[in-house]
Protein backbone atom coordinates (compact mmCIF):
# COMPACT_ATOMS: atom_id res chain seq x y z
CA MET A 1 -4.97 -11.80 5.56
CA CYS A 2 -5.26 -14.53 2.92
CA GLY A 3 -8.44 -16.04 4.47
CA ILE A 4 -11.12 -15.94 1.78
CA PHE A 5 -8.75 -14.24 -0.69
CA PRO A 6 -6.30 -17.02 -1.68
CA SER A 7 -4.54 -14.92 -4.31
CA LEU A 8 -4.37 -11.62 -6.08
CA ARG A 9 -5.12 -11.73 -9.81
CA ARG A 10 -4.35 -8.14 -10.81
CA ASP A 11 -2.22 -5.45 -9.18
CA ALA A 12 -2.28 -2.12 -10.99
CA ALA A 13 -1.28 1.40 -9.93
CA ARG A 14 -1.81 4.66 -11.75
CA THR A 15 0.04 7.78 -10.67
CA ALA A 16 -0.81 11.33 -11.73
CA VAL A 17 2.52 12.75 -12.88
CA LEU A 18 4.12 15.40 -15.04
CA SER A 19 5.31 14.30 -18.48
CA ASP A 20 9.00 14.24 -17.49
CA PHE A 21 8.53 12.03 -14.37
CA ARG A 22 9.96 8.54 -14.97
CA GLU A 23 9.87 6.87 -11.55
CA GLN A 24 6.25 5.68 -11.38
CA SER A 25 7.34 2.26 -10.13
CA LYS A 26 8.96 3.79 -7.04
CA ALA A 27 5.68 5.51 -6.20
CA ALA A 28 3.89 2.13 -6.17
CA ASP A 29 6.61 0.07 -4.43
CA GLY A 30 5.07 0.50 -0.97
CA ALA A 31 1.81 -1.13 -2.04
CA SER A 32 3.69 -3.98 -3.73
CA GLU A 33 5.74 -4.62 -0.59
CA LEU A 34 2.58 -4.73 1.54
CA LEU A 35 0.88 -7.18 -0.83
CA LEU A 36 3.96 -9.41 -1.01
CA SER A 37 4.30 -9.51 2.78
CA ASN A 38 0.64 -10.53 3.19
CA PHE A 39 0.19 -12.95 0.27
CA GLY A 40 3.70 -14.12 -0.63
CA GLU A 41 5.46 -13.97 -3.96
CA ALA A 42 3.62 -16.97 -5.42
CA ARG A 43 0.21 -15.32 -4.94
CA VAL A 44 0.94 -11.81 -6.23
CA PRO A 45 1.28 -11.07 -9.95
CA PRO A 46 3.82 -8.54 -11.23
CA PRO A 47 2.40 -5.04 -10.81
CA ILE A 48 1.26 -2.89 -13.70
CA VAL A 49 2.35 0.71 -13.06
CA LEU A 50 1.29 3.60 -15.29
CA GLY A 51 1.85 7.34 -15.19
CA VAL A 52 -1.15 9.39 -16.34
CA ALA A 53 -1.85 13.10 -16.77
CA SER A 54 -4.69 13.13 -14.22
CA LEU A 55 -6.93 10.89 -12.14
CA PRO A 56 -10.55 11.28 -10.98
CA LEU A 57 -11.15 13.62 -8.03
CA ALA A 58 -7.55 14.91 -8.35
CA MET A 59 -6.20 11.80 -6.61
CA PRO A 60 -2.40 11.43 -6.82
CA VAL A 61 -2.45 7.60 -6.92
CA GLU A 62 -5.07 4.99 -7.81
CA PHE A 63 -4.72 1.27 -7.07
CA GLU A 64 -6.68 -1.49 -8.77
CA LEU A 65 -6.68 -4.87 -7.06
CA VAL A 66 -8.57 -7.93 -8.30
CA PHE A 67 -8.68 -10.86 -5.88
CA GLU A 68 -9.64 -14.48 -6.38
CA ILE A 69 -12.43 -15.38 -3.95
CA GLU A 70 -12.52 -18.86 -2.46
CA PRO A 71 -15.99 -20.41 -2.45
CA SER A 72 -17.42 -21.13 0.99
């Protein structure tokens, strides 16, 4: 999968949660595991995980990924 994307520059997840929910990182762990298995630990930054009151279009989870693109 690395091909033209040599590394990931930003890995962020936002989860729509109630105010007493404290396990946002567990909700995003699956995405982190997938990224690590495809890019390796050296190419994936630590994830940023936030719990928010709501997300656009009533989505439960939103991921933001910013990749470095290798020039051709």
